[in-house]
Amino acid sequence: MFSFFKFLQNLLKDLKKKKGLWFTTLAVLSITGIFLCLYILTHLTENVSKDVYNNISTNYMKNFKNRVFKKEQTLKKVLLPVESDTTLIDDIEKSNLIKIGEKISSYNEKFKKVGFETLQISFYPILNQVNQYRNSVNSVISSKSKIFGVEVLQDGIFYVYLNPIIKDDKLIGIFELREELHEFKAEYARDDMIFLFLLEERMLNQLSIKARNGKYREVIDTVHVEELKYDGQFFAKIIESEKEGYKNMLEVGYSVDDTYFRAAQKISDINGNIIGVIVLGEAVEGSGAFVNIVDNMTKTVTTVALGLVISILLFMF
């Protein structure tokens, strides 16, 4: 070990005698050191950015799940006075479908009057035949249990709450309360965020011709968007990224460009089938946008670190 240090000392002495070679060696080592430091710093800051984006996209999806849970609780509360309507329950027991229809219509009119445009209640009588209705309703009939989830129905895409009506341990009917999934758009807009739902192409046939034709636009060859209900600039950027960019967004869970940050996740319906993709986003414009904060933070760290490296190297000379 001692002989090695002795060798280094002798080498340095020889180099200093040959000033041209000495400065050339220092310059090469300095430049190599700068680039090595820059590479390490760039790699570290990129990893920090990815971690931040991953955490934020995860929080976006947690927030969405919380909103869905609140939606379920809200629909339960809205349905409570309907379940407590003894006159309506008596008419259901007597199978007085005309009076039931009139009462249900009056509730739907009240919903619209107080501003719930897409909130709607329906009633399903219990018939004698097997498989009376769609799968979710039939499931409630067989299990006599409540079900909540999203469904693609003929007239649109809804969050649906199905509640069995039981009197004297007997199932006498089912209440359905539903609200359009697109209502989340207004909720997110109030928080300066963007909500988008992309429907799987194979689910388009579940919609009626009236609900489908002329309303949906292809985003990528496997998903479509109801064009007039969402921010055109927001989904246009997804179209620009093409199939590879869309695929990468789903795999990573997020994507960032010069205009938007997006978090994406596939969504399953009430029966467990994947029906589309939820995309949540935020514009990166403005110094207060978190994407700019992350970007500025990494640039500042890199600049400061580079300044320190150069200062140290200058001090060496």
C-alpha atoms as a PDB file:
ATOM      1  CA  MET A   1       0.000   0.000   0.000  1.00  0.00           C
ATOM      2  CA  PHE A   2       2.871   2.359   0.967  1.00  0.00           C
ATOM      3  CA  SER A   3       4.660   1.671  -2.314  1.00  0.00           C
ATOM      4  CA  PHE A   4       1.458   2.480  -4.230  1.00  0.00           C
ATOM      5  CA  PHE A   5       1.156   5.910  -2.595  1.00  0.00           C
ATOM      6  CA  LYS A   6       4.862   6.477  -3.237  1.00  0.00           C
ATOM      7  CA  PHE A   7       4.277   5.664  -6.882  1.00  0.00           C
ATOM      8  CA  LEU A   8       1.428   8.205  -7.061  1.00  0.00           C
ATOM      9  CA  GLN A   9       3.542  10.908  -5.472  1.00  0.00           C
ATOM     10  CA  ASN A  10       6.364  10.319  -7.963  1.00  0.00           C
ATOM     11  CA  LEU A  11       3.864  10.320 -10.833  1.00  0.00           C
ATOM     12  CA  LEU A  12       2.423  13.664  -9.715  1.00  0.00           C
ATOM     13  CA  LYS A  13       5.904  15.156  -9.419  1.00  0.00           C
ATOM     14  CA  ASP A  14       6.766  14.031 -12.946  1.00  0.00           C
ATOM     15  CA  LEU A  15       3.489  15.422 -14.287  1.00  0.00           C
ATOM     16  CA  LYS A  16       4.034  18.800 -12.611  1.00  0.00           C
ATOM     17  CA  LYS A  17       7.468  19.036 -14.214  1.00  0.00           C
ATOM     18  CA  LYS A  18       5.758  18.570 -17.570  1.00  0.00           C
ATOM     19  CA  LYS A  19       3.196  21.394 -17.227  1.00  0.00           C
ATOM     20  CA  GLY A  20       1.512  20.743 -20.555  1.00  0.00           C
ATOM     21  CA  LEU A  21       0.794  17.141 -19.679  1.00  0.00           C
ATOM     22  CA  TRP A  22      -0.192  18.157 -16.126  1.00  0.00           C
ATOM     23  CA  PHE A  23      -2.863  20.626 -17.261  1.00  0.00           C
ATOM     24  CA  THR A  24      -4.079  18.269 -19.970  1.00  0.00           C
ATOM     25  CA  THR A  25      -4.505  15.503 -17.387  1.00  0.00           C
ATOM     26  CA  LEU A  26      -6.338  17.878 -15.009  1.00  0.00           C
ATOM     27  CA  ALA A  27      -8.586  19.094 -17.826  1.00  0.00           C
ATOM     28  CA  VAL A  28      -9.494  15.532 -18.875  1.00  0.00           C
ATOM     29  CA  LEU A  29     -10.170  14.516 -15.277  1.00  0.00           C
ATOM     30  CA  SER A  30     -12.211  17.686 -14.682  1.00  0.00           C
ATOM     31  CA  ILE A  31     -14.358  17.255 -17.785  1.00  0.00           C
ATOM     32  CA  THR A  32     -14.836  13.561 -16.994  1.00  0.00           C
ATOM     33  CA  GLY A  33     -15.812  14.479 -13.431  1.00  0.00           C
ATOM     34  CA  ILE A  34     -18.309  17.098 -14.610  1.00  0.00           C
ATOM     35  CA  PHE A  35     -20.004  14.743 -17.047  1.00  0.00           C
ATOM     36  CA  LEU A  36     -20.041  11.927 -14.495  1.00  0.00           C
ATOM     37  CA  CYS A  37     -21.628  14.216 -11.913  1.00  0.00           C
ATOM     38  CA  LEU A  38     -24.141  15.491 -14.438  1.00  0.00           C
ATOM     39  CA  TYR A  39     -25.096  11.940 -15.387  1.00  0.00           C
ATOM     40  CA  ILE A  40     -25.539  10.938 -11.754  1.00  0.00           C
ATOM     41  CA  LEU A  41     -27.536  14.074 -10.942  1.00  0.00           C
ATOM     42  CA  THR A  42     -29.741  13.723 -14.036  1.00  0.00           C
ATOM     43  CA  HIS A  43     -30.380  10.070 -13.231  1.00  0.00           C
ATOM     44  CA  LEU A  44     -31.237  10.890  -9.618  1.00  0.00           C
ATOM     45  CA  THR A  45     -33.548  13.793 -10.494  1.00  0.00           C
ATOM     46  CA  GLU A  46     -35.336  11.703 -13.122  1.00  0.00           C
ATOM     47  CA  ASN A  47     -35.944   9.015 -10.504  1.00  0.00           C
ATOM     48  CA  VAL A  48     -37.213  11.628  -8.063  1.00  0.00           C
ATOM     49  CA  SER A  49     -39.604  12.976 -10.712  1.00  0.00           C
ATOM     50  CA  LYS A  50     -40.887   9.483 -11.502  1.00  0.00           C
ATOM     51  CA  ASP A  51     -41.464   8.790  -7.810  1.00  0.00           C
ATOM     52  CA  VAL A  52     -43.361  12.058  -7.428  1.00  0.00           C
ATOM     53  CA  TYR A  53     -45.508  11.374 -10.506  1.00  0.00           C
ATOM     54  CA  ASN A  54     -46.198   7.814  -9.338  1.00  0.00           C
ATOM     55  CA  ASN A  55     -47.290   9.062  -5.922  1.00  0.00           C
ATOM     56  CA  ILE A  56     -49.514  11.747  -7.400  1.00  0.00           C
ATOM     57  CA  SER A  57     -51.168   9.351  -9.886  1.00  0.00           C
ATOM     58  CA  THR A  58     -51.775   6.909  -7.004  1.00  0.00           C
ATOM     59  CA  ASN A  59     -53.350   9.699  -4.958  1.00  0.00           C
ATOM     60  CA  TYR A  60     -55.509  10.666  -7.956  1.00  0.00           C
ATOM     61  CA  MET A  61     -56.932   7.153  -8.110  1.00  0.00           C
ATOM     62  CA  LYS A  62     -57.428   6.960  -4.349  1.00  0.00           C
ATOM     63  CA  ASN A  63     -59.330  10.221  -4.585  1.00  0.00           C
ATOM     64  CA  PHE A  64     -61.496   8.782  -7.356  1.00  0.00           C
ATOM     65  CA  LYS A  65     -62.282   5.670  -5.276  1.00  0.00           C
ATOM     66  CA  ASN A  66     -63.270   7.933  -2.385  1.00  0.00           C
ATOM     67  CA  ARG A  67     -65.588   9.875  -4.662  1.00  0.00           C
ATOM     68  CA  VAL A  68     -67.177   6.635  -5.880  1.00  0.00           C
ATOM     69  CA  PHE A  69     -67.695   5.554  -2.267  1.00  0.00           C
ATOM     70  CA  LYS A  70     -69.316   8.922  -1.487  1.00  0.00           C
ATOM     71  CA  LYS A  71     -71.520   8.458  -4.568  1.00  0.00           C
ATOM     72  CA  GLU A  72     -72.752   5.146  -3.181  1.00  0.00           C
ATOM     73  CA  GLN A  73     -73.488   6.714   0.216  1.00  0.00           C
ATOM     74  CA  THR A  74     -75.327   9.606  -1.446  1.00  0.00           C
ATOM     75  CA  LEU A  75     -77.525   7.269  -3.496  1.00  0.00           C
ATOM     76  CA  LYS A  76     -78.342   5.298  -0.338  1.00  0.00           C
ATOM     77  CA  LYS A  77     -79.443   8.480   1.441  1.00  0.00           C
ATOM     78  CA  VAL A  78     -81.519   9.640  -1.544  1.00  0.00           C
ATOM     79  CA  LEU A  79     -83.303   6.272  -1.591  1.00  0.00           C
ATOM     80  CA  LEU A  80     -84.175   6.287   2.143  1.00  0.00           C
ATOM     81  CA  PRO A  81     -87.364   8.419   1.858  1.00  0.00           C
ATOM     82  CA  VAL A  82     -88.499   6.293  -1.097  1.00  0.00           C
ATOM     83  CA  GLU A  83     -88.059   3.093   0.950  1.00  0.00           C
ATOM     84  CA  SER A  84     -89.967   4.760   3.815  1.00  0.00           C
ATOM     85  CA  ASP A  85     -92.906   5.722   1.594  1.00  0.00           C
ATOM     86  CA  THR A  86     -95.551   3.397   3.087  1.00  0.00           C
ATOM     87  CA  THR A  87     -98.104   4.236   0.393  1.00  0.00           C
ATOM     88  CA  LEU A  88     -95.662   3.235  -2.337  1.00  0.00           C
ATOM     89  CA  ILE A  89     -94.719   0.007  -0.507  1.00  0.00           C
ATOM     90  CA  ASP A  90     -98.430  -0.860  -0.143  1.00  0.00           C
ATOM     91  CA  ASP A  91     -98.952  -0.327  -3.885  1.00  0.00           C
ATOM     92  CA  ILE A  92     -95.949  -2.578  -4.583  1.00  0.00           C
ATOM     93  CA  GLU A  93     -97.426  -5.307  -2.354  1.00  0.00           C
ATOM     94  CA  LYS A  94    -100.700  -5.029  -4.244  1.00  0.00           C
ATOM     95  CA  SER A  95     -98.867  -4.963  -7.623  1.00  0.00           C
ATOM     96  CA  ASN A  96    -100.648  -1.711  -8.512  1.00  0.00           C
ATOM     97  CA  LEU A  97     -98.252  -0.896 -11.366  1.00  0.00           C
ATOM     98  CA  ILE A  98    -100.111   2.242 -12.488  1.00  0.00           C
ATOM     99  CA  LYS A  99     -99.878   3.942  -9.096  1.00  0.00           C
ATOM    100  CA  ILE A 100     -96.300   2.749  -8.681  1.00  0.00           C
ATOM    101  CA  GLY A 101     -95.404   4.296 -12.054  1.00  0.00           C
ATOM    102  CA  GLU A 102     -97.028   7.600 -11.122  1.00  0.00           C
ATOM    103  CA  LYS A 103     -95.201   7.742  -7.790  1.00  0.00           C
ATOM    104  CA  ILE A 104     -91.838   6.898  -9.366  1.00  0.00           C
ATOM    105  CA  SER A 105     -92.378   9.601 -12.010  1.00  0.00           C
ATOM    106  CA  SER A 106     -93.109  12.171  -9.299  1.00  0.00           C
ATOM    107  CA  TYR A 107     -89.827  11.337  -7.555  1.00  0.00           C
ATOM    108  CA  ASN A 108     -87.895  11.724 -10.824  1.00  0.00           C
ATOM    109  CA  GLU A 109     -89.521  15.110 -11.427  1.00  0.00           C
ATOM    110  CA  LYS A 110     -88.448  16.230  -7.940  1.00  0.00           C
ATOM    111  CA  PHE A 111     -84.872  15.177  -8.647  1.00  0.00           C
ATOM    112  CA  LYS A 112     -84.775  17.372 -11.752  1.00  0.00           C
ATOM    113  CA  LYS A 113     -86.328  20.329  -9.958  1.00  0.00           C
ATOM    114  CA  VAL A 114     -83.573  20.334  -7.343  1.00  0.00           C
ATOM    115  CA  GLY A 115     -80.830  20.094  -9.987  1.00  0.00           C
ATOM    116  CA  PHE A 116     -80.142  16.344 -10.279  1.00  0.00           C
ATOM    117  CA  GLU A 117     -80.589  16.159 -14.044  1.00  0.00           C
ATOM    118  CA  THR A 118     -79.356  12.590 -14.589  1.00  0.00           C
ATOM    119  CA  LEU A 119     -80.523  11.081 -11.264  1.00  0.00           C
ATOM    120  CA  GLN A 120     -83.329   8.610 -11.902  1.00  0.00           C
ATOM    121  CA  ILE A 121     -85.234   6.002  -9.920  1.00  0.00           C
ATOM    122  CA  SER A 122     -86.822   2.874 -11.417  1.00  0.00           C
ATOM    123  CA  PHE A 123     -88.829  -0.037 -10.055  1.00  0.00           C
ATOM    124  CA  TYR A 124     -88.617  -3.711 -11.040  1.00  0.00           C
ATOM    125  CA  PRO A 125     -91.547  -5.947 -10.051  1.00  0.00           C
ATOM    126  CA  ILE A 126     -90.858  -9.577  -9.181  1.00  0.00           C
ATOM    127  CA  LEU A 127     -92.155 -11.813 -11.949  1.00  0.00           C
ATOM    128  CA  ASN A 128     -92.491 -15.588 -12.071  1.00  0.00           C
ATOM    129  CA  GLN A 129     -90.046 -16.411 -14.859  1.00  0.00           C
ATOM    130  CA  VAL A 130     -86.320 -17.002 -14.350  1.00  0.00           C
ATOM    131  CA  ASN A 131     -83.830 -14.370 -15.653  1.00  0.00           C
ATOM    132  CA  GLN A 132     -86.415 -11.642 -15.719  1.00  0.00           C
ATOM    133  CA  TYR A 133     -84.071  -8.707 -16.272  1.00  0.00           C
ATOM    134  CA  ARG A 134     -80.397  -7.857 -16.949  1.00  0.00           C
ATOM    135  CA  ASN A 135     -77.669  -9.687 -15.007  1.00  0.00           C
ATOM    136  CA  SER A 136     -77.242  -7.183 -12.182  1.00  0.00           C
ATOM    137  CA  VAL A 137     -80.975  -7.042 -11.383  1.00  0.00           C
ATOM    138  CA  ASN A 138     -81.283 -10.827 -11.576  1.00  0.00           C
ATOM    139  CA  SER A 139     -78.344 -11.080  -9.164  1.00  0.00           C
ATOM    140  CA  VAL A 140     -80.170  -8.907  -6.621  1.00  0.00           C
ATOM    141  CA  ILE A 141     -83.295 -11.055  -7.022  1.00  0.00           C
ATOM    142  CA  SER A 142     -81.361 -14.250  -6.327  1.00  0.00           C
ATOM    143  CA  SER A 143     -79.206 -12.871  -3.481  1.00  0.00           C
ATOM    144  CA  LYS A 144     -81.688 -10.376  -1.983  1.00  0.00           C
ATOM    145  CA  SER A 145     -78.660  -8.130  -1.399  1.00  0.00           C
ATOM    146  CA  LYS A 146     -77.849  -4.558  -2.410  1.00  0.00           C
ATOM    147  CA  ILE A 147     -75.483  -3.971  -5.331  1.00  0.00           C
ATOM    148  CA  PHE A 148     -73.654  -0.825  -6.411  1.00  0.00           C
ATOM    149  CA  GLY A 149     -71.425  -0.193  -9.418  1.00  0.00           C
ATOM    150  CA  VAL A 150     -71.086   1.235 -12.905  1.00  0.00           C
ATOM    151  CA  GLU A 151     -73.053  -0.171 -15.861  1.00  0.00           C
ATOM    152  CA  VAL A 152     -73.272   0.480 -19.577  1.00  0.00           C
ATOM    153  CA  LEU A 153     -77.020   0.623 -20.235  1.00  0.00           C
ATOM    154  CA  GLN A 154     -78.948   1.376 -23.402  1.00  0.00           C
ATOM    155  CA  ASP A 155     -79.318   5.076 -22.648  1.00  0.00           C
ATOM    156  CA  GLY A 156     -75.844   5.722 -21.242  1.00  0.00           C
ATOM    157  CA  ILE A 157     -73.186   4.890 -18.658  1.00  0.00           C
ATOM    158  CA  PHE A 158     -74.398   5.048 -15.065  1.00  0.00           C
ATOM    159  CA  TYR A 159     -73.460   4.416 -11.484  1.00  0.00           C
ATOM    160  CA  VAL A 160     -76.266   2.157 -10.327  1.00  0.00           C
ATOM    161  CA  TYR A 161     -77.543   1.356  -6.841  1.00  0.00           C
ATOM    162  CA  LEU A 162     -79.904  -1.644  -6.734  1.00  0.00           C
ATOM    163  CA  ASN A 163     -81.866  -2.197  -3.541  1.00  0.00           C
ATOM    164  CA  PRO A 164     -84.192  -5.165  -2.847  1.00  0.00           C
ATOM    165  CA  ILE A 165     -87.575  -4.376  -1.268  1.00  0.00           C
ATOM    166  CA  ILE A 166     -88.346  -6.985   1.385  1.00  0.00           C
ATOM    167  CA  LYS A 167     -91.638  -7.132   3.296  1.00  0.00           C
ATOM    168  CA  ASP A 168     -92.289  -9.873   5.862  1.00  0.00           C
ATOM    169  CA  ASP A 169     -89.160 -11.724   4.676  1.00  0.00           C
ATOM    170  CA  LYS A 170     -90.494 -11.738   1.115  1.00  0.00           C
ATOM    171  CA  LEU A 171     -88.900  -9.994  -1.874  1.00  0.00           C
ATOM    172  CA  ILE A 172     -91.610  -7.836  -3.452  1.00  0.00           C
ATOM    173  CA  GLY A 173     -89.562  -5.716  -5.843  1.00  0.00           C
ATOM    174  CA  ILE A 174     -86.344  -3.830  -6.528  1.00  0.00           C
ATOM    175  CA  PHE A 175     -85.576  -0.123  -6.517  1.00  0.00           C
ATOM    176  CA  GLU A 176     -82.894   1.131  -8.867  1.00  0.00           C
ATOM    177  CA  LEU A 177     -81.322   4.547  -8.397  1.00  0.00           C
ATOM    178  CA  ARG A 178     -78.821   5.633 -11.012  1.00  0.00           C
ATOM    179  CA  GLU A 179     -76.805   8.683 -12.044  1.00  0.00           C
ATOM    180  CA  GLU A 180     -74.613   9.266 -15.098  1.00  0.00           C
ATOM    181  CA  LEU A 181     -70.919   8.549 -14.649  1.00  0.00           C
ATOM    182  CA  HIS A 182     -70.246  11.801 -16.529  1.00  0.00           C
ATOM    183  CA  GLU A 183     -71.446  13.752 -13.472  1.00  0.00           C
ATOM    184  CA  PHE A 184     -67.941  13.307 -12.052  1.00  0.00           C
ATOM    185  CA  LYS A 185     -66.750  15.800 -14.672  1.00  0.00           C
ATOM    186  CA  ALA A 186     -68.444  18.692 -12.848  1.00  0.00           C
ATOM    187  CA  GLU A 187     -67.067  17.526  -9.479  1.00  0.00           C
ATOM    188  CA  TYR A 188     -63.491  17.511 -10.752  1.00  0.00           C
ATOM    189  CA  ALA A 189     -63.935  20.823 -12.575  1.00  0.00           C
ATOM    190  CA  ARG A 190     -64.706  22.478  -9.235  1.00  0.00           C
ATOM    191  CA  ASP A 191     -61.245  21.349  -8.077  1.00  0.00           C
ATOM    192  CA  ASP A 192     -59.563  22.650 -11.282  1.00  0.00           C
ATOM    193  CA  MET A 193     -59.042  19.095 -12.495  1.00  0.00           C
ATOM    194  CA  ILE A 194     -60.152  17.195 -15.576  1.00  0.00           C
ATOM    195  CA  PHE A 195     -62.201  13.981 -15.692  1.00  0.00           C
ATOM    196  CA  LEU A 196     -62.442  11.764 -18.771  1.00  0.00           C
ATOM    197  CA  PHE A 197     -64.031   8.379 -19.431  1.00  0.00           C
ATOM    198  CA  LEU A 198     -62.971   6.268 -22.409  1.00  0.00           C
ATOM    199  CA  LEU A 199     -65.357   3.456 -23.359  1.00  0.00           C
ATOM    200  CA  GLU A 200     -64.103   0.115 -24.666  1.00  0.00           C
ATOM    201  CA  GLU A 201     -65.104  -0.353 -28.310  1.00  0.00           C
ATOM    202  CA  ARG A 202     -66.810  -3.699 -27.631  1.00  0.00           C
ATOM    203  CA  MET A 203     -69.146  -1.951 -25.138  1.00  0.00           C
ATOM    204  CA  LEU A 204     -70.569   0.414 -27.765  1.00  0.00           C
ATOM    205  CA  ASN A 205     -73.097  -2.236 -28.798  1.00  0.00           C
ATOM    206  CA  GLN A 206     -74.576  -2.113 -25.279  1.00  0.00           C
ATOM    207  CA  LEU A 207     -75.776   1.419 -26.034  1.00  0.00           C
ATOM    208  CA  SER A 208     -78.879   2.106 -28.086  1.00  0.00           C
ATOM    209  CA  ILE A 209     -78.448   3.514 -31.600  1.00  0.00           C
ATOM    210  CA  LYS A 210     -79.768   6.860 -30.353  1.00  0.00           C
ATOM    211  CA  ALA A 211     -77.266   6.994 -27.476  1.00  0.00           C
ATOM    212  CA  ARG A 212     -74.371   5.885 -29.676  1.00  0.00           C
ATOM    213  CA  ASN A 213     -74.602   7.177 -33.247  1.00  0.00           C
ATOM    214  CA  GLY A 214     -72.839  10.453 -33.964  1.00  0.00           C
ATOM    215  CA  LYS A 215     -71.800  10.920 -30.330  1.00  0.00           C
ATOM    216  CA  TYR A 216     -68.726   8.754 -29.880  1.00  0.00           C
ATOM    217  CA  ARG A 217     -65.334   9.416 -31.394  1.00  0.00           C
ATOM    218  CA  GLU A 218     -62.436   6.974 -31.658  1.00  0.00           C
ATOM    219  CA  VAL A 219     -59.493   7.932 -29.462  1.00  0.00           C
ATOM    220  CA  ILE A 220     -57.353   4.829 -29.953  1.00  0.00           C
ATOM    221  CA  ASP A 221     -58.653   1.852 -31.938  1.00  0.00           C
ATOM    222  CA  THR A 222     -59.801   0.109 -28.734  1.00  0.00           C
ATOM    223  CA  VAL A 223     -61.475   3.025 -26.887  1.00  0.00           C
ATOM    224  CA  HIS A 224     -63.961   5.771 -27.722  1.00  0.00           C
ATOM    225  CA  VAL A 225     -65.076   9.000 -26.057  1.00  0.00           C
ATOM    226  CA  GLU A 226     -68.479  10.694 -25.946  1.00  0.00           C
ATOM    227  CA  GLU A 227     -67.091  13.737 -27.702  1.00  0.00           C
ATOM    228  CA  LEU A 228     -69.433  16.541 -26.622  1.00  0.00           C
ATOM    229  CA  LYS A 229     -69.287  15.684 -22.921  1.00  0.00           C
ATOM    230  CA  TYR A 230     -65.543  16.038 -22.423  1.00  0.00           C
ATOM    231  CA  ASP A 231     -62.638  18.430 -22.928  1.00  0.00           C
ATOM    232  CA  GLY A 232     -61.643  18.048 -26.587  1.00  0.00           C
ATOM    233  CA  GLN A 233     -58.127  19.399 -26.066  1.00  0.00           C
ATOM    234  CA  PHE A 234     -57.547  16.934 -23.227  1.00  0.00           C
ATOM    235  CA  PHE A 235     -58.395  13.775 -25.190  1.00  0.00           C
ATOM    236  CA  ALA A 236     -56.847  15.204 -28.381  1.00  0.00           C
ATOM    237  CA  LYS A 237     -53.453  14.984 -26.657  1.00  0.00           C
ATOM    238  CA  ILE A 238     -54.090  11.279 -26.013  1.00  0.00           C
ATOM    239  CA  ILE A 239     -54.917  10.843 -29.694  1.00  0.00           C
ATOM    240  CA  GLU A 240     -51.649  12.615 -30.600  1.00  0.00           C
ATOM    241  CA  SER A 241     -49.660  10.211 -28.441  1.00  0.00           C
ATOM    242  CA  GLU A 242     -51.024   7.363 -30.597  1.00  0.00           C
ATOM    243  CA  LYS A 243     -51.385   3.726 -29.596  1.00  0.00           C
ATOM    244  CA  GLU A 244     -47.888   3.356 -28.133  1.00  0.00           C
ATOM    245  CA  GLY A 245     -48.268   6.430 -25.924  1.00  0.00           C
ATOM    246  CA  TYR A 246     -51.701   5.290 -24.743  1.00  0.00           C
ATOM    247  CA  LYS A 247     -50.388   1.803 -23.971  1.00  0.00           C
ATOM    248  CA  ASN A 248     -47.466   3.259 -22.007  1.00  0.00           C
ATOM    249  CA  MET A 249     -49.828   5.507 -20.018  1.00  0.00           C
ATOM    250  CA  LEU A 250     -51.843   2.463 -18.923  1.00  0.00           C
ATOM    251  CA  GLU A 251     -48.755   0.437 -18.068  1.00  0.00           C
ATOM    252  CA  VAL A 252     -47.052   3.196 -16.048  1.00  0.00           C
ATOM    253  CA  GLY A 253     -50.293   4.664 -14.695  1.00  0.00           C
ATOM    254  CA  TYR A 254     -49.599   8.229 -15.828  1.00  0.00           C
ATOM    255  CA  SER A 255     -48.268  10.398 -18.661  1.00  0.00           C
ATOM    256  CA  VAL A 256     -46.879  13.946 -18.840  1.00  0.00           C
ATOM    257  CA  ASP A 257     -46.492  16.300 -21.772  1.00  0.00           C
ATOM    258  CA  ASP A 258     -46.107  20.045 -22.279  1.00  0.00           C
ATOM    259  CA  THR A 259     -49.817  20.625 -21.632  1.00  0.00           C
ATOM    260  CA  TYR A 260     -51.211  18.020 -19.210  1.00  0.00           C
ATOM    261  CA  PHE A 261     -50.417  15.515 -16.524  1.00  0.00           C
ATOM    262  CA  ARG A 262     -52.706  12.462 -16.729  1.00  0.00           C
ATOM    263  CA  ALA A 263     -53.333   9.490 -14.443  1.00  0.00           C
ATOM    264  CA  ALA A 264     -55.175   6.529 -15.975  1.00  0.00           C
ATOM    265  CA  GLN A 265     -56.752   3.305 -14.770  1.00  0.00           C
ATOM    266  CA  LYS A 266     -59.034   0.669 -16.250  1.00  0.00           C
ATOM    267  CA  ILE A 267     -62.496   0.403 -14.708  1.00  0.00           C
ATOM    268  CA  SER A 268     -64.768  -2.636 -14.267  1.00  0.00           C
ATOM    269  CA  ASP A 269     -68.555  -2.645 -14.285  1.00  0.00           C
ATOM    270  CA  ILE A 270     -70.956  -4.026 -11.688  1.00  0.00           C
ATOM    271  CA  ASN A 271     -70.470  -7.528 -13.148  1.00  0.00           C
ATOM    272  CA  GLY A 272     -66.655  -7.402 -13.053  1.00  0.00           C
ATOM    273  CA  ASN A 273     -66.125  -6.758 -16.780  1.00  0.00           C
ATOM    274  CA  ILE A 274     -63.623  -4.093 -17.895  1.00  0.00           C
ATOM    275  CA  ILE A 275     -65.652  -1.456 -19.725  1.00  0.00           C
ATOM    276  CA  GLY A 276     -63.212   1.413 -20.176  1.00  0.00           C
ATOM    277  CA  VAL A 277     -60.585   3.723 -18.723  1.00  0.00           C
ATOM    278  CA  ILE A 278     -60.830   6.573 -16.229  1.00  0.00           C
ATOM    279  CA  VAL A 279     -58.381   9.400 -17.001  1.00  0.00           C
ATOM    280  CA  LEU A 280     -57.830  12.167 -14.454  1.00  0.00           C
ATOM    281  CA  GLY A 281     -55.689  15.171 -15.287  1.00  0.00           C
ATOM    282  CA  GLU A 282     -54.446  18.650 -14.621  1.00  0.00           C
ATOM    283  CA  ALA A 283     -53.075  21.393 -16.856  1.00  0.00           C
ATOM    284  CA  VAL A 284     -49.366  22.121 -16.362  1.00  0.00           C
ATOM    285  CA  GLU A 285     -49.694  25.809 -17.297  1.00  0.00           C
ATOM    286  CA  GLY A 286     -48.932  28.351 -14.571  1.00  0.00           C
ATOM    287  CA  SER A 287     -46.164  28.430 -12.009  1.00  0.00           C
ATOM    288  CA  GLY A 288     -48.450  26.934  -9.356  1.00  0.00           C
ATOM    289  CA  ALA A 289     -49.072  23.698 -11.255  1.00  0.00           C
ATOM    290  CA  PHE A 290     -47.454  20.768  -9.467  1.00  0.00           C
ATOM    291  CA  VAL A 291     -45.801  19.481 -12.672  1.00  0.00           C
ATOM    292  CA  ASN A 292     -43.962  22.780 -13.016  1.00  0.00           C
ATOM    293  CA  ILE A 293     -43.026  22.669  -9.346  1.00  0.00           C
ATOM    294  CA  VAL A 294     -41.443  19.227  -9.806  1.00  0.00           C
ATOM    295  CA  ASP A 295     -39.688  20.332 -12.992  1.00  0.00           C
ATOM    296  CA  ASN A 296     -38.372  23.543 -11.433  1.00  0.00           C
ATOM    297  CA  MET A 297     -37.244  21.638  -8.359  1.00  0.00           C
ATOM    298  CA  THR A 298     -35.149  19.166 -10.381  1.00  0.00           C
ATOM    299  CA  LYS A 299     -33.678  21.953 -12.523  1.00  0.00           C
ATOM    300  CA  THR A 300     -32.723  23.945  -9.443  1.00  0.00           C
ATOM    301  CA  VAL A 301     -31.064  20.939  -7.803  1.00  0.00           C
ATOM    302  CA  THR A 302     -29.121  20.210 -10.991  1.00  0.00           C
ATOM    303  CA  THR A 303     -28.006  23.839 -11.405  1.00  0.00           C
ATOM    304  CA  VAL A 304     -26.877  24.188  -7.789  1.00  0.00           C
ATOM    305  CA  ALA A 305     -25.038  20.858  -7.869  1.00  0.00           C
ATOM    306  CA  LEU A 306     -23.340  21.724 -11.159  1.00  0.00           C
ATOM    307  CA  GLY A 307     -22.272  25.083  -9.719  1.00  0.00           C
ATOM    308  CA  LEU A 308     -20.726  23.344  -6.748  1.00  0.00           C
ATOM    309  CA  VAL A 309     -18.844  20.910  -9.005  1.00  0.00           C
ATOM    310  CA  ILE A 310     -17.449  23.739 -11.148  1.00  0.00           C
ATOM    311  CA  SER A 311     -16.489  25.734  -8.037  1.00  0.00           C
ATOM    312  CA  ILE A 312     -14.585  22.771  -6.624  1.00  0.00           C
ATOM    313  CA  LEU A 313     -12.790  22.206  -9.925  1.00  0.00           C
ATOM    314  CA  LEU A 314     -11.837  25.882 -10.190  1.00  0.00           C
ATOM    315  CA  PHE A 315     -10.502  25.790  -6.638  1.00  0.00           C
ATOM    316  CA  MET A 316      -8.332  22.802  -7.636  1.00  0.00           C
ATOM    317  CA  PHE A 317      -6.678  24.904 -10.345  1.00  0.00           C
END
